[in-house]
N, C-alpha and C. Protein backbone atom coordinates (compact mmCIF):
# COMPACT_ATOMS: atom_id res chain seq x y z
N MET A 1 7.43 91.88 -54.17
CA MET A 1 7.45 92.86 -53.48
C MET A 1 8.88 92.12 -52.63
N ARG A 2 8.51 90.56 -52.10
CA ARG A 2 8.90 90.29 -51.10
C ARG A 2 10.69 90.57 -51.40
N VAL A 3 10.69 89.56 -52.77
CA VAL A 3 12.17 89.67 -53.01
C VAL A 3 12.99 91.35 -52.96
N ILE A 4 12.08 92.47 -53.62
CA ILE A 4 12.66 93.68 -53.26
C ILE A 4 12.94 94.10 -51.99
N ILE A 5 12.27 93.83 -51.30
CA ILE A 5 12.25 94.11 -49.76
C ILE A 5 13.32 92.89 -48.77
N LEU A 6 13.47 91.74 -49.44
CA LEU A 6 14.63 91.04 -49.03
C LEU A 6 16.03 91.20 -49.66
N ALA A 7 15.88 91.81 -50.71
CA ALA A 7 17.31 92.10 -51.03
C ALA A 7 17.81 93.18 -50.87
N PHE A 8 16.52 94.36 -50.37
CA PHE A 8 17.02 95.72 -49.60
C PHE A 8 17.42 95.18 -48.13
N GLY A 9 16.78 94.61 -47.58
CA GLY A 9 16.89 94.12 -45.97
C GLY A 9 18.42 93.63 -45.79
N VAL A 10 19.22 92.46 -46.85
CA VAL A 10 20.10 91.78 -47.10
C VAL A 10 21.58 93.15 -47.33
N ILE A 11 21.58 93.65 -48.11
CA ILE A 11 21.73 95.02 -48.65
C ILE A 11 22.38 95.99 -47.65
N LEU A 12 21.23 96.07 -47.09
CA LEU A 12 21.21 97.32 -45.67
C LEU A 12 22.36 96.36 -44.69
N SER A 13 21.52 95.32 -44.20
CA SER A 13 22.34 94.33 -43.66
C SER A 13 24.04 94.82 -43.61
N VAL A 14 24.15 94.46 -44.80
CA VAL A 14 26.02 94.06 -45.12
C VAL A 14 26.18 95.23 -44.46
N VAL A 15 25.78 96.65 -45.35
CA VAL A 15 25.85 97.51 -44.85
C VAL A 15 26.09 98.02 -43.54
N ILE A 16 25.12 97.75 -42.37
CA ILE A 16 25.27 98.28 -41.31
C ILE A 16 26.69 97.05 -40.57
N GLN A 17 26.69 95.86 -41.30
CA GLN A 17 27.65 94.73 -40.59
C GLN A 17 29.09 95.81 -40.81
N ALA A 18 29.30 96.10 -41.81
CA ALA A 18 30.52 96.76 -42.26
C ALA A 18 30.76 98.18 -41.93
N THR A 19 30.36 98.99 -41.58
CA THR A 19 30.03 100.42 -41.05
C THR A 19 30.02 100.93 -39.43
N TRP A 20 28.56 100.26 -39.68
CA TRP A 20 28.06 100.58 -37.72
C TRP A 20 28.30 99.81 -36.89
N LEU A 21 28.11 98.24 -36.82
CA LEU A 21 28.53 97.56 -36.25
C LEU A 21 29.95 97.30 -35.61
N THR A 22 30.88 97.78 -36.69
CA THR A 22 32.42 97.58 -36.65
C THR A 22 32.91 98.99 -35.71
N GLN A 23 32.25 100.38 -35.22
CA GLN A 23 32.04 101.29 -34.50
C GLN A 23 32.19 100.70 -33.33
N LEU A 24 31.16 99.24 -33.01
CA LEU A 24 30.72 99.55 -31.88
C LEU A 24 31.80 99.10 -30.96
N ASN A 25 31.78 98.90 -29.29
CA ASN A 25 32.57 98.17 -28.95
C ASN A 25 32.33 97.06 -28.20
N LEU A 26 31.52 96.14 -28.53
CA LEU A 26 31.06 95.18 -28.37
C LEU A 26 31.89 94.06 -27.51
N PRO A 27 31.91 93.22 -26.11
CA PRO A 27 32.92 92.25 -25.94
C PRO A 27 33.08 91.25 -26.86
N ALA A 28 34.36 90.82 -26.38
CA ALA A 28 35.57 89.91 -27.48
C ALA A 28 35.09 90.35 -28.58
N GLN A 29 34.88 91.77 -29.22
CA GLN A 29 35.42 92.59 -30.59
C GLN A 29 35.14 91.80 -31.60
N VAL A 30 33.93 91.15 -31.90
CA VAL A 30 33.13 90.41 -32.69
C VAL A 30 31.77 91.32 -32.76
N LYS A 31 31.39 90.84 -34.14
CA LYS A 31 29.97 91.56 -34.37
C LYS A 31 29.08 90.38 -34.69
N PRO A 32 27.79 90.80 -34.81
CA PRO A 32 26.77 89.82 -35.11
C PRO A 32 26.70 89.64 -36.47
N ASP A 33 26.43 88.77 -36.94
CA ASP A 33 26.02 88.12 -38.55
C ASP A 33 24.74 88.53 -38.68
N LEU A 34 24.17 89.95 -39.20
CA LEU A 34 23.33 90.30 -39.46
C LEU A 34 22.52 89.27 -40.91
N VAL A 35 23.17 89.25 -41.83
CA VAL A 35 22.81 88.79 -43.15
C VAL A 35 22.67 86.99 -42.57
N PHE A 36 23.22 86.42 -41.76
CA PHE A 36 23.10 84.75 -41.20
C PHE A 36 21.66 84.82 -40.60
N ILE A 37 21.06 85.53 -39.52
CA ILE A 37 20.31 85.78 -39.00
C ILE A 37 18.96 85.98 -39.80
N ILE A 38 18.90 86.71 -40.90
CA ILE A 38 17.93 87.27 -41.82
C ILE A 38 17.92 85.87 -42.71
N VAL A 39 19.02 85.06 -43.53
CA VAL A 39 18.73 83.95 -44.11
C VAL A 39 18.08 83.13 -43.03
N VAL A 40 18.54 82.44 -41.96
CA VAL A 40 17.88 81.41 -41.02
C VAL A 40 16.24 81.74 -40.61
N SER A 41 16.17 83.05 -40.84
CA SER A 41 14.85 83.42 -40.06
C SER A 41 13.93 83.17 -41.30
N TYR A 42 14.46 83.87 -41.98
CA TYR A 42 13.55 83.59 -43.62
C TYR A 42 13.10 82.01 -43.92
N ALA A 43 14.16 81.28 -43.73
CA ALA A 43 13.52 79.86 -44.49
C ALA A 43 12.87 79.24 -43.45
N LEU A 44 13.11 79.60 -42.02
CA LEU A 44 12.35 79.31 -41.01
C LEU A 44 10.09 79.75 -41.41
N LEU A 45 10.56 80.79 -41.96
CA LEU A 45 8.58 80.83 -42.53
C LEU A 45 8.40 80.65 -43.30
N LYS A 46 9.60 80.04 -44.49
CA LYS A 46 9.00 79.78 -46.19
C LYS A 46 9.64 78.71 -46.98
N GLY A 47 10.62 78.16 -45.74
CA GLY A 47 10.82 76.45 -46.41
C GLY A 47 12.44 76.88 -46.79
N PRO A 48 12.82 75.45 -47.25
CA PRO A 48 13.84 75.09 -47.98
C PRO A 48 14.29 75.91 -49.32
N TYR A 49 13.63 76.12 -50.14
CA TYR A 49 13.80 76.30 -51.39
C TYR A 49 14.02 78.11 -51.57
N ILE A 50 12.93 78.54 -50.94
CA ILE A 50 13.31 80.06 -50.45
C ILE A 50 14.74 80.51 -49.06
N GLY A 51 14.86 79.43 -48.60
CA GLY A 51 16.08 79.93 -47.85
C GLY A 51 16.93 79.24 -48.43
N THR A 52 17.09 78.58 -49.53
CA THR A 52 18.19 77.76 -50.29
C THR A 52 18.61 79.56 -51.34
N ASN A 53 17.24 80.00 -51.76
CA ASN A 53 17.38 80.83 -52.77
C ASN A 53 18.19 82.42 -52.23
N LEU A 54 17.62 82.51 -50.92
CA LEU A 54 18.16 84.08 -50.13
C LEU A 54 19.57 83.77 -49.72
N GLY A 55 20.03 82.69 -49.20
CA GLY A 55 21.29 82.11 -48.83
C GLY A 55 22.51 82.46 -49.95
N LEU A 56 21.95 81.95 -51.29
CA LEU A 56 22.75 82.21 -52.85
C LEU A 56 22.75 83.63 -52.66
N PHE A 57 21.61 84.21 -52.76
CA PHE A 57 22.06 85.84 -52.88
C PHE A 57 22.54 86.35 -51.64
N ALA A 58 22.13 86.36 -50.48
CA ALA A 58 22.95 86.84 -49.64
C ALA A 58 24.62 86.44 -49.66
N GLY A 59 24.64 85.41 -49.27
CA GLY A 59 26.11 85.25 -49.02
C GLY A 59 27.14 85.81 -50.33
N PHE A 60 26.72 85.57 -51.36
CA PHE A 60 27.12 85.71 -52.62
C PHE A 60 27.85 87.98 -52.34
N PHE A 61 26.68 88.25 -51.93
CA PHE A 61 26.57 89.42 -51.73
C PHE A 61 27.89 90.21 -50.64
N MET A 62 27.82 89.16 -49.72
CA MET A 62 28.46 88.90 -48.45
C MET A 62 29.80 88.65 -48.99
N ASP A 63 30.31 88.03 -49.82
CA ASP A 63 31.38 87.54 -50.22
C ASP A 63 32.21 88.74 -50.91
N LEU A 64 31.37 89.16 -51.69
CA LEU A 64 31.41 90.29 -52.77
C LEU A 64 31.60 91.71 -51.36
N ALA A 65 31.01 92.07 -50.70
CA ALA A 65 31.65 92.90 -49.98
C ALA A 65 32.65 93.10 -49.17
N SER A 66 32.97 91.65 -48.88
CA SER A 66 33.59 91.38 -47.67
C SER A 66 35.45 90.80 -48.17
N GLY A 67 35.56 91.12 -49.39
CA GLY A 67 36.43 90.93 -50.39
C GLY A 67 37.42 89.25 -49.73
N ASN A 68 36.38 88.36 -49.12
CA ASN A 68 37.16 87.11 -48.92
C ASN A 68 37.13 86.14 -50.29
N ILE A 69 37.18 84.98 -50.01
CA ILE A 69 37.65 84.05 -51.20
C ILE A 69 35.59 83.93 -51.36
N ILE A 70 35.50 84.00 -52.24
CA ILE A 70 33.98 84.02 -52.98
C ILE A 70 33.40 83.00 -53.24
N GLY A 71 32.27 82.61 -52.47
CA GLY A 71 31.86 81.02 -52.77
C GLY A 71 32.08 80.80 -51.58
N VAL A 72 32.50 80.55 -50.33
CA VAL A 72 32.63 80.23 -48.55
C VAL A 72 31.31 80.64 -48.03
N GLY A 73 31.38 82.16 -48.20
CA GLY A 73 30.01 82.60 -47.69
C GLY A 73 29.16 82.23 -48.08
N VAL A 74 28.71 81.54 -49.77
CA VAL A 74 27.79 81.27 -50.69
C VAL A 74 27.55 80.10 -50.11
N LEU A 75 27.79 79.13 -49.94
CA LEU A 75 28.15 77.66 -49.82
C LEU A 75 27.48 77.38 -48.02
N THR A 76 28.05 78.11 -47.22
CA THR A 76 27.52 78.65 -46.12
C THR A 76 26.32 79.05 -46.02
N LYS A 77 25.74 80.04 -46.38
CA LYS A 77 24.61 80.57 -46.33
C LYS A 77 23.63 79.70 -47.09
N MET A 78 23.69 79.10 -48.07
CA MET A 78 22.74 78.27 -48.59
C MET A 78 22.60 77.32 -47.71
N LEU A 79 23.76 76.34 -47.28
CA LEU A 79 22.90 75.25 -46.89
C LEU A 79 22.60 75.52 -45.30
N ALA A 80 22.89 77.03 -44.46
CA ALA A 80 21.94 77.50 -43.72
C ALA A 80 20.41 77.78 -44.00
N GLY A 81 20.49 78.33 -45.01
CA GLY A 81 18.92 78.24 -45.96
C GLY A 81 18.07 77.19 -45.91
N PHE A 82 18.90 76.43 -46.50
CA PHE A 82 18.20 74.90 -46.95
C PHE A 82 18.07 74.18 -45.45
N SER A 83 19.25 74.30 -44.43
CA SER A 83 18.62 73.40 -43.43
C SER A 83 17.41 74.10 -42.59
N ALA A 84 17.75 75.40 -42.42
CA ALA A 84 16.46 76.09 -41.73
C ALA A 84 15.22 75.97 -42.24
N GLY A 85 14.99 75.92 -43.23
CA GLY A 85 13.70 76.11 -44.58
C GLY A 85 13.32 74.29 -44.09
N LEU A 86 13.87 73.13 -43.59
CA LEU A 86 13.74 71.93 -43.60
C LEU A 86 12.34 71.89 -42.35
N LEU A 87 13.10 72.81 -41.40
CA LEU A 87 12.08 73.07 -40.42
C LEU A 87 10.53 73.73 -40.48
N GLU A 88 10.82 74.12 -41.70
CA GLU A 88 9.45 75.53 -41.57
C GLU A 88 7.69 74.93 -41.40
N LYS A 89 7.67 73.32 -41.57
CA LYS A 89 6.41 72.68 -41.51
C LYS A 89 6.08 72.04 -40.13
N THR A 90 7.41 72.11 -39.02
CA THR A 90 7.43 71.38 -38.20
C THR A 90 7.61 72.64 -37.04
N ILE A 91 7.69 73.89 -36.78
CA ILE A 91 7.91 74.74 -35.95
C ILE A 91 6.56 75.66 -35.85
N PHE A 92 6.21 75.97 -34.73
CA PHE A 92 5.28 76.88 -34.14
C PHE A 92 6.01 78.31 -34.48
N LYS A 93 5.41 78.71 -36.09
CA LYS A 93 5.90 80.29 -36.00
C LYS A 93 5.78 81.49 -35.32
N ASP A 94 4.98 81.36 -34.44
CA ASP A 94 4.93 82.59 -33.25
C ASP A 94 5.41 82.62 -32.39
N ASN A 95 6.41 81.23 -32.03
CA ASN A 95 7.71 81.12 -31.06
C ASN A 95 8.93 82.27 -30.93
N LEU A 96 8.94 83.04 -31.05
CA LEU A 96 10.52 83.77 -30.69
C LEU A 96 12.05 82.58 -30.36
N LEU A 97 11.50 82.09 -29.28
CA LEU A 97 12.79 80.81 -29.22
C LEU A 97 13.70 80.38 -29.92
N VAL A 98 12.33 79.86 -31.36
CA VAL A 98 13.12 78.80 -31.60
C VAL A 98 13.79 79.22 -32.65
N PRO A 99 13.89 80.84 -33.17
CA PRO A 99 14.92 81.26 -34.29
C PRO A 99 15.76 81.80 -32.96
N ALA A 100 15.55 81.73 -32.25
CA ALA A 100 16.86 82.35 -31.08
C ALA A 100 17.84 80.88 -31.18
N ASN A 101 17.03 79.80 -30.47
CA ASN A 101 17.91 78.46 -30.59
C ASN A 101 18.64 77.97 -31.74
N LEU A 102 17.96 78.11 -32.93
CA LEU A 102 18.13 77.61 -34.47
C LEU A 102 19.24 78.71 -34.48
N VAL A 103 19.38 79.59 -34.44
CA VAL A 103 20.36 80.52 -35.05
C VAL A 103 21.76 80.64 -34.08
N TYR A 104 21.58 80.18 -32.65
CA TYR A 104 22.42 80.10 -31.98
C TYR A 104 23.27 78.76 -32.87
N LEU A 105 22.58 77.36 -32.86
CA LEU A 105 23.42 76.33 -33.00
C LEU A 105 23.89 76.11 -34.46
N GLY A 106 23.39 77.26 -35.28
CA GLY A 106 23.18 77.66 -36.77
C GLY A 106 24.51 77.86 -36.65
N THR A 107 24.76 79.06 -36.08
CA THR A 107 26.11 79.97 -35.93
C THR A 107 27.28 79.35 -36.13
N ILE A 108 27.21 78.17 -34.70
CA ILE A 108 28.20 77.91 -34.21
C ILE A 108 28.57 76.45 -35.63
N LEU A 109 27.96 75.93 -36.06
CA LEU A 109 28.17 74.87 -36.92
C LEU A 109 28.32 75.23 -38.29
N PHE A 110 27.80 76.80 -38.77
CA PHE A 110 27.77 76.78 -40.26
C PHE A 110 29.34 77.97 -40.42
N GLU A 111 29.85 78.47 -38.99
CA GLU A 111 31.12 79.51 -38.44
C GLU A 111 32.20 78.38 -38.50
N THR A 112 31.88 77.47 -37.36
CA THR A 112 32.69 76.11 -38.13
C THR A 112 33.11 75.68 -38.89
N LEU A 113 32.13 75.22 -40.17
CA LEU A 113 32.55 74.88 -40.96
C LEU A 113 33.15 76.09 -42.25
N ASN A 114 32.77 77.38 -41.77
CA ASN A 114 33.67 78.46 -42.55
C ASN A 114 34.93 78.56 -42.20
N LEU A 115 35.17 77.94 -41.05
CA LEU A 115 36.58 77.75 -40.66
C LEU A 115 37.87 76.86 -40.98
N ILE A 116 36.90 75.98 -40.97
CA ILE A 116 37.44 74.64 -41.58
C ILE A 116 38.07 74.80 -43.45
N ILE A 117 36.96 75.43 -43.66
CA ILE A 117 36.92 75.90 -45.65
C ILE A 117 38.12 77.01 -45.60
N TYR A 118 38.11 77.71 -44.74
CA TYR A 118 39.50 78.58 -44.37
C TYR A 118 40.77 78.27 -44.42
N ILE A 119 40.47 76.81 -43.59
CA ILE A 119 41.96 76.27 -42.80
C ILE A 119 42.11 75.16 -44.22
N SER A 120 41.34 74.93 -45.07
CA SER A 120 41.89 73.95 -45.80
C SER A 120 42.55 75.14 -47.16
N PHE A 121 41.94 76.23 -47.43
CA PHE A 121 42.69 77.05 -48.23
C PHE A 121 44.19 77.62 -47.99
N GLY A 122 44.64 77.17 -46.41
CA GLY A 122 45.61 78.08 -46.39
C GLY A 122 45.91 79.01 -45.04
N ALA A 123 44.70 79.39 -44.64
CA ALA A 123 44.51 80.52 -43.66
C ALA A 123 44.86 79.97 -42.46
N ASN A 124 45.54 80.72 -41.72
CA ASN A 124 46.36 80.17 -40.28
C ASN A 124 45.77 80.69 -38.91
N PHE A 125 44.65 80.05 -38.58
CA PHE A 125 44.04 80.05 -38.02
C PHE A 125 44.39 78.93 -36.37
N ASN A 126 44.30 79.75 -35.22
CA ASN A 126 44.03 78.48 -34.19
C ASN A 126 42.71 77.83 -33.98
N PHE A 127 42.46 77.00 -34.38
CA PHE A 127 41.05 76.67 -34.48
C PHE A 127 40.33 76.57 -33.08
N PHE A 128 41.13 76.19 -32.01
CA PHE A 128 39.85 76.03 -30.76
C PHE A 128 39.96 77.18 -29.98
N HIS A 129 40.73 77.96 -30.27
CA HIS A 129 41.12 79.64 -29.62
C HIS A 129 39.92 80.57 -30.72
N THR A 130 40.08 80.31 -31.99
CA THR A 130 38.69 81.01 -32.97
C THR A 130 37.34 80.74 -32.42
N ILE A 131 37.32 78.84 -32.36
CA ILE A 131 35.94 78.69 -31.72
C ILE A 131 35.36 79.36 -30.50
N LEU A 132 36.41 79.45 -29.15
CA LEU A 132 35.77 80.22 -27.93
C LEU A 132 36.04 81.40 -28.26
N HIS A 133 36.42 82.00 -28.91
CA HIS A 133 36.42 83.72 -28.40
C HIS A 133 35.77 84.56 -29.78
N THR A 134 35.86 83.66 -30.89
CA THR A 134 34.60 84.26 -32.05
C THR A 134 33.84 83.84 -32.08
N VAL A 135 33.60 82.20 -32.73
CA VAL A 135 32.12 81.93 -32.66
C VAL A 135 30.88 81.77 -31.88
N LEU A 136 31.67 81.30 -30.82
CA LEU A 136 30.15 81.65 -29.49
C LEU A 136 29.87 82.93 -29.25
N PRO A 137 31.02 83.49 -29.31
CA PRO A 137 30.70 85.32 -28.85
C PRO A 137 29.55 85.65 -30.10
N VAL A 138 29.54 85.47 -31.45
CA VAL A 138 29.03 85.69 -32.46
C VAL A 138 27.90 85.12 -31.82
N ALA A 139 27.78 83.58 -31.95
CA ALA A 139 26.83 83.26 -31.37
C ALA A 139 25.59 83.06 -30.64
N CYS A 140 26.42 84.19 -29.38
CA CYS A 140 25.63 84.47 -28.42
C CYS A 140 24.84 86.09 -29.05
N TYR A 141 25.27 87.01 -29.52
CA TYR A 141 24.68 88.18 -30.29
C TYR A 141 24.02 87.83 -31.51
N ASN A 142 24.08 86.74 -32.04
CA ASN A 142 23.13 86.04 -33.33
C ASN A 142 22.12 85.71 -32.47
N ALA A 143 21.95 85.12 -31.68
CA ALA A 143 20.73 84.41 -30.68
C ALA A 143 19.94 85.82 -30.35
N ILE A 144 20.86 86.81 -29.93
CA ILE A 144 20.07 88.01 -29.14
C ILE A 144 19.43 88.70 -30.03
N LEU A 145 19.83 88.60 -31.32
CA LEU A 145 19.11 89.62 -32.21
C LEU A 145 18.19 89.00 -33.16
N ALA A 146 18.40 87.39 -33.03
CA ALA A 146 17.18 86.31 -33.54
C ALA A 146 16.24 86.97 -33.75
N PRO A 147 14.95 87.07 -32.04
CA PRO A 147 13.82 86.88 -32.16
C PRO A 147 13.87 88.65 -32.82
N VAL A 148 14.24 89.86 -32.64
CA VAL A 148 14.14 90.87 -33.13
C VAL A 148 13.64 90.45 -35.09
N ILE A 149 14.88 90.08 -35.46
CA ILE A 149 14.87 90.00 -36.72
C ILE A 149 13.71 89.20 -37.19
N TYR A 150 13.71 87.89 -36.67
CA TYR A 150 12.55 86.77 -37.48
C TYR A 150 10.91 87.84 -36.87
N HIS A 151 10.77 87.99 -36.08
CA HIS A 151 9.30 89.22 -35.97
C HIS A 151 9.37 89.89 -36.92
N LEU A 152 10.23 90.98 -36.92
CA LEU A 152 10.03 91.94 -37.88
C LEU A 152 9.35 90.77 -39.55
N LEU A 153 10.32 90.03 -39.54
CA LEU A 153 10.29 89.12 -41.21
C LEU A 153 8.90 88.92 -41.09
N HIS A 154 8.38 88.31 -39.89
CA HIS A 154 7.26 87.35 -39.87
C HIS A 154 6.02 88.47 -40.03
N LYS A 155 6.49 89.60 -39.37
CA LYS A 155 5.50 90.71 -39.84
C LYS A 155 5.52 90.99 -41.05
N MET A 156 6.60 91.36 -42.15
CA MET A 156 6.40 91.72 -42.84
C MET A 156 5.77 90.64 -43.92
N ASP A 157 5.83 89.35 -43.63
CA ASP A 157 5.74 88.26 -44.39
C ASP A 157 3.86 88.54 -44.65
N GLN A 158 3.56 88.48 -42.78
CA GLN A 158 2.26 88.57 -42.57
C GLN A 158 1.31 89.52 -43.49
N PHE A 159 2.33 90.95 -43.67
CA PHE A 159 1.45 92.41 -44.03
C PHE A 159 1.21 92.23 -45.69
N ILE A 160 2.49 91.16 -46.06
CA ILE A 160 2.33 91.47 -47.59
C ILE A 160 1.15 90.16 -48.59
N SER A 161 1.49 89.90 -47.62
CA SER A 161 0.61 88.29 -47.83
C SER A 161 -1.34 89.03 -47.83
N GLU A 162 -1.38 89.83 -46.56
CA GLU A 162 -2.82 90.45 -46.37
C GLU A 162 -3.09 91.40 -47.87
N ARG A 163 -1.60 92.39 -47.74
CA ARG A 163 -2.22 93.61 -49.30
C ARG A 163 -2.68 92.24 -50.45
N ALA A 164 -1.27 90.95 -50.59
CA ALA A 164 -1.82 90.33 -52.22
C ALA A 164 -3.07 89.77 -52.51
N SER A 165 -3.85 89.10 -50.95
CA SER A 165 -5.07 89.12 -50.85
C SER A 165 -6.40 89.66 -51.18
N ASP A 166 -5.86 91.27 -50.61
CA ASP A 166 -6.83 92.31 -51.34
C ASP A 166 -6.86 92.62 -52.87
N PHE A 167 -6.01 92.18 -53.43
CA PHE A 167 -6.04 92.47 -55.23
C PHE A 167 -7.29 91.41 -55.82
């Protein structure tokens, strides 16, 4: 049941990112990375193994949908899921500041890694300009949305766990 709901959530978030969020006129003309928020948030709840697997699926699906180099999103989402999952046992799961801060820092780290990978494949970016005008605004948007998505995933996980124990 969790797998189906998570797969649906990832697919829905990719569709929302590709359609609805591009129509919004957000300051800095960037959009939040809902898939990244889902991967990091669920990894915080379930650990590195689940985070890595969700990052693999979500990154691959995102790469296919975006038309970018296949594998860059997979690598960064898997690393993000694994890294966030390592903190699963050390965080207080009801504190909504934890996912907000972690998503903010993770977005900066993994979007910078994305840039480095794209530059190594020959993309022509002004690295520091892109960091200031794209990565940092995306990190702020992600940090604002992270507590909401984390809370929804946490409630979904509790609901499924309670239903599973009833059988």
